[in-house]
Amino acid sequence: MKIPFIITISVLSVITVTRLMASERSGGIEEYPYTVLQSYPGFEVRLYEKAIFARTHIDAGTYRAGSGNGFRTLASYIFGGNDRNEGIAMTAPVAMRWEDGMVMEFMMPSEYTLETLPAPNRSDIQLYEKPEVVMAGLSFGGWANDRRIANKIEELRKALDSQGIRHTGQFQFFGYSSPYQMINRRNDIVVQLEDWD
């Protein structure tokens, strides 16, 4: 029973990395679009455009415990685990937030609407449209882990407090780099702002 599961996960991982490599070489990975509204020391205020996301909830309280399972669940959808057996292009970033466990999200390519996306085969994947939103964003390089994410959240929190900028307190991690990328890795910590004009 375990051997077919391990083989399936291994094949899925190879397909994922191969498609990520091919997309990155061709410059074809679509990113969550935003406009910088204002720059501050250490962070930016960004207007993110409306976009459609696939999300799943993982019963895990940390990046380390939940990121692998969340990624495999959502990857199964974009690699054909849907009612049309249709492949959907990988995008960036992979978004994560923590609320009663971990929620992971993949942005769907902009060519789709909620009506034209195939339905997930799994009940633990939901599709939804996120409206235009203003968020503060702090970027950092290297490899992400729970300690670095926590430190960067606190860094952004303090920077926002120092500028008197109000926010929701619901911080998210955005990972832009594929697993095989060794250098020039990009990560963001973002949080929605309140009463931004």
Protein backbone atom coordinates (compact mmCIF):
# COMPACT_ATOMS: atom_id res chain seq x y z
CA MET A 1 0.00 0.00 0.00
CA LYS A 2 2.81 2.41 0.86
CA ILE A 3 4.90 1.67 -2.27
CA PRO A 4 2.33 2.98 -4.83
CA PHE A 5 1.89 6.11 -2.69
CA ILE A 6 5.65 6.72 -2.56
CA ILE A 7 5.96 6.16 -6.32
CA THR A 8 3.08 8.58 -6.99
CA ILE A 9 4.63 11.28 -4.78
CA SER A 10 8.06 10.77 -6.39
CA VAL A 11 6.66 11.04 -9.92
CA LEU A 12 4.63 14.13 -8.96
CA SER A 13 7.74 15.75 -7.47
CA VAL A 14 9.80 15.07 -10.62
CA ILE A 15 7.04 16.46 -12.86
CA THR A 16 6.71 19.54 -10.64
CA VAL A 17 10.43 20.35 -10.68
CA THR A 18 10.69 19.66 -14.42
CA ARG A 19 7.81 22.00 -15.22
CA LEU A 20 9.16 24.67 -12.91
CA MET A 21 12.59 24.46 -14.57
CA ALA A 22 11.10 24.65 -18.05
CA SER A 23 8.90 27.62 -17.14
CA GLU A 24 11.74 29.49 -15.43
CA ARG A 25 14.12 28.97 -18.36
CA SER A 26 11.55 30.40 -20.74
CA GLY A 27 10.65 33.24 -18.41
CA GLY A 28 7.10 31.91 -18.49
CA ILE A 29 6.07 31.93 -14.84
CA GLU A 30 3.27 34.43 -14.33
CA GLU A 31 3.49 36.36 -11.05
CA TYR A 32 0.83 37.90 -8.83
CA PRO A 33 0.76 41.43 -10.32
CA TYR A 34 1.15 44.51 -8.17
CA THR A 35 2.07 48.19 -8.37
CA VAL A 36 4.30 49.85 -5.78
CA LEU A 37 2.35 52.76 -4.28
CA GLN A 38 5.03 53.94 -1.86
CA SER A 39 8.47 52.83 -0.67
CA TYR A 40 9.68 52.99 2.94
CA PRO A 41 12.95 51.86 4.51
CA GLY A 42 12.79 48.06 4.36
CA PHE A 43 9.34 47.61 2.83
CA GLU A 44 6.90 48.74 0.15
CA VAL A 45 3.19 49.49 0.04
CA ARG A 46 1.78 47.56 -2.91
CA LEU A 47 -1.53 47.44 -4.73
CA TYR A 48 -2.13 43.81 -5.74
CA GLU A 49 -4.53 43.21 -8.60
CA LYS A 50 -7.62 41.04 -8.46
CA ALA A 51 -6.70 37.38 -9.00
CA ILE A 52 -8.09 33.86 -8.70
CA PHE A 53 -6.49 31.40 -6.28
CA ALA A 54 -6.72 27.71 -5.44
CA ARG A 55 -6.31 27.11 -1.72
CA THR A 56 -6.10 24.21 0.69
CA HIS A 57 -6.02 23.96 4.48
CA ILE A 58 -3.33 21.84 6.12
CA ASP A 59 -3.47 20.75 9.75
CA ALA A 60 -0.01 22.09 10.54
CA GLY A 61 1.21 25.01 12.62
CA THR A 62 4.59 25.56 10.99
CA TYR A 63 6.15 26.09 7.57
CA ARG A 64 8.23 22.95 7.96
CA ALA A 65 5.30 20.75 8.95
CA GLY A 66 2.83 21.93 6.33
CA SER A 67 4.58 23.25 3.23
CA GLY A 68 5.26 19.87 1.60
CA ASN A 69 1.73 18.51 2.02
CA GLY A 70 0.14 21.78 0.95
CA PHE A 71 2.29 21.99 -2.15
CA ARG A 72 1.59 18.40 -3.19
CA THR A 73 -2.16 18.88 -2.72
CA LEU A 74 -2.34 21.99 -4.91
CA ALA A 75 0.15 20.61 -7.43
CA SER A 76 -2.12 17.60 -7.92
CA TYR A 77 -4.85 19.99 -9.11
CA ILE A 78 -2.74 21.93 -11.61
CA PHE A 79 -1.13 18.75 -12.98
CA GLY A 80 -4.45 17.25 -14.02
CA GLY A 81 -6.32 16.35 -10.85
CA ASN A 82 -9.48 18.05 -12.04
CA ASP A 83 -12.68 17.23 -13.92
CA ARG A 84 -11.02 17.88 -17.30
CA ASN A 85 -7.66 16.21 -16.59
CA GLU A 86 -6.24 19.58 -17.66
CA GLY A 87 -2.76 20.86 -16.91
CA ILE A 88 -2.64 24.41 -15.54
CA ALA A 89 0.53 26.52 -15.67
CA MET A 90 2.51 27.07 -12.46
CA THR A 91 2.56 30.65 -11.20
CA ALA A 92 4.35 32.52 -8.42
CA PRO A 93 4.32 33.03 -5.55
CA VAL A 94 3.21 30.09 -3.44
CA ALA A 95 1.31 31.86 -0.64
CA MET A 96 1.01 30.65 2.95
CA ARG A 97 -0.69 31.96 6.05
CA TRP A 98 -1.40 30.50 9.45
CA GLU A 99 -4.93 30.45 10.86
CA ASP A 100 -6.19 27.30 12.61
CA GLY A 101 -3.37 25.47 10.85
CA MET A 102 -1.84 26.51 7.53
CA VAL A 103 -3.56 27.73 4.38
CA MET A 104 -1.58 27.42 1.14
CA GLU A 105 -2.59 29.09 -2.12
CA PHE A 106 -1.56 28.97 -5.78
CA MET A 107 -2.58 31.85 -8.02
CA MET A 108 -4.36 30.69 -11.17
CA PRO A 109 -3.14 32.02 -14.55
CA SER A 110 -4.91 35.23 -15.59
CA GLU A 111 -6.36 33.60 -18.72
CA TYR A 112 -8.90 31.81 -16.49
CA THR A 113 -12.06 32.94 -14.75
CA LEU A 114 -13.86 31.04 -12.00
CA GLU A 115 -16.25 29.81 -14.70
CA THR A 116 -13.55 28.53 -17.05
CA LEU A 117 -11.30 26.80 -14.50
CA PRO A 118 -11.72 23.03 -14.22
CA ALA A 119 -13.21 21.82 -10.95
CA PRO A 120 -10.75 20.16 -8.53
CA ASN A 121 -11.15 16.42 -8.00
CA ARG A 122 -10.33 16.88 -4.31
CA SER A 123 -12.81 18.38 -1.86
CA ASP A 124 -9.97 19.97 0.14
CA ILE A 125 -9.13 22.39 -2.71
CA GLN A 126 -11.26 25.52 -3.13
CA LEU A 127 -11.18 28.12 -5.89
CA TYR A 128 -11.94 31.75 -5.09
CA GLU A 129 -11.38 35.26 -6.42
CA LYS A 130 -9.37 37.64 -4.26
CA PRO A 131 -10.28 41.30 -4.84
CA GLU A 132 -7.77 44.08 -5.38
CA VAL A 133 -5.93 44.65 -2.10
CA VAL A 134 -3.31 47.01 -0.65
CA MET A 135 -0.55 45.22 1.27
CA ALA A 136 2.80 46.04 2.77
CA GLY A 137 5.56 43.81 1.44
CA LEU A 138 9.01 43.04 2.80
CA SER A 139 11.32 41.03 0.51
CA PHE A 140 14.21 38.81 1.56
CA GLY A 141 16.50 36.30 -0.12
CA GLY A 142 17.85 32.87 0.73
CA TRP A 143 16.00 29.83 1.97
CA ALA A 144 12.87 30.23 4.07
CA ASN A 145 12.30 28.40 7.34
CA ASP A 146 10.11 28.93 10.39
CA ARG A 147 12.69 31.01 12.25
CA ARG A 148 13.40 33.34 9.32
CA ILE A 149 9.70 33.77 8.54
CA ALA A 150 8.96 34.66 12.19
CA ASN A 151 11.88 37.12 12.27
CA LYS A 152 10.80 38.81 9.03
CA ILE A 153 7.18 39.07 10.22
CA GLU A 154 8.42 40.83 13.36
CA GLU A 155 10.69 43.07 11.26
CA LEU A 156 7.77 44.14 9.06
CA ARG A 157 5.50 44.61 12.08
CA LYS A 158 8.01 46.94 13.73
CA ALA A 159 8.61 48.87 10.49
CA LEU A 160 4.88 49.43 10.03
CA ASP A 161 4.47 50.49 13.67
CA SER A 162 7.35 52.97 13.30
CA GLN A 163 5.51 54.59 10.37
CA GLY A 164 2.14 54.54 12.12
CA ILE A 165 0.66 52.32 9.39
CA ARG A 166 -2.29 50.20 10.50
CA HIS A 167 -2.67 46.61 9.28
CA THR A 168 -4.82 43.52 9.87
CA GLY A 169 -2.08 41.57 11.68
CA GLN A 170 -2.66 38.57 9.36
CA PHE A 171 0.79 38.13 7.86
CA GLN A 172 1.45 35.88 4.87
CA PHE A 173 4.57 34.30 3.40
CA PHE A 174 5.08 34.43 -0.38
CA GLY A 175 7.69 32.08 -1.86
CA TYR A 176 8.72 32.84 -5.43
CA SER A 177 11.63 30.46 -6.06
CA SER A 178 11.43 26.86 -7.23
CA PRO A 179 12.96 24.14 -5.01
CA TYR A 180 16.01 23.61 -7.23
CA GLN A 181 17.00 27.31 -7.41
CA MET A 182 20.19 27.77 -5.40
CA ILE A 183 20.87 31.51 -5.76
CA ASN A 184 18.87 34.73 -6.13
CA ARG A 185 15.96 33.28 -4.19
CA ARG A 186 13.05 35.62 -3.42
CA ASN A 187 10.61 35.57 -0.54
CA ASP A 188 8.09 38.13 0.72
CA ILE A 189 6.24 38.75 3.94
CA VAL A 190 3.03 40.66 3.26
CA VAL A 191 0.11 41.98 5.32
CA GLN A 192 -3.07 43.77 4.29
CA LEU A 193 -3.23 47.44 5.30
CA GLU A 194 -6.20 49.19 6.84
CA ASP A 195 -7.54 52.58 5.75
CA TRP A 196 -4.90 53.11 3.05
CA ASP A 197 -5.78 55.94 0.65
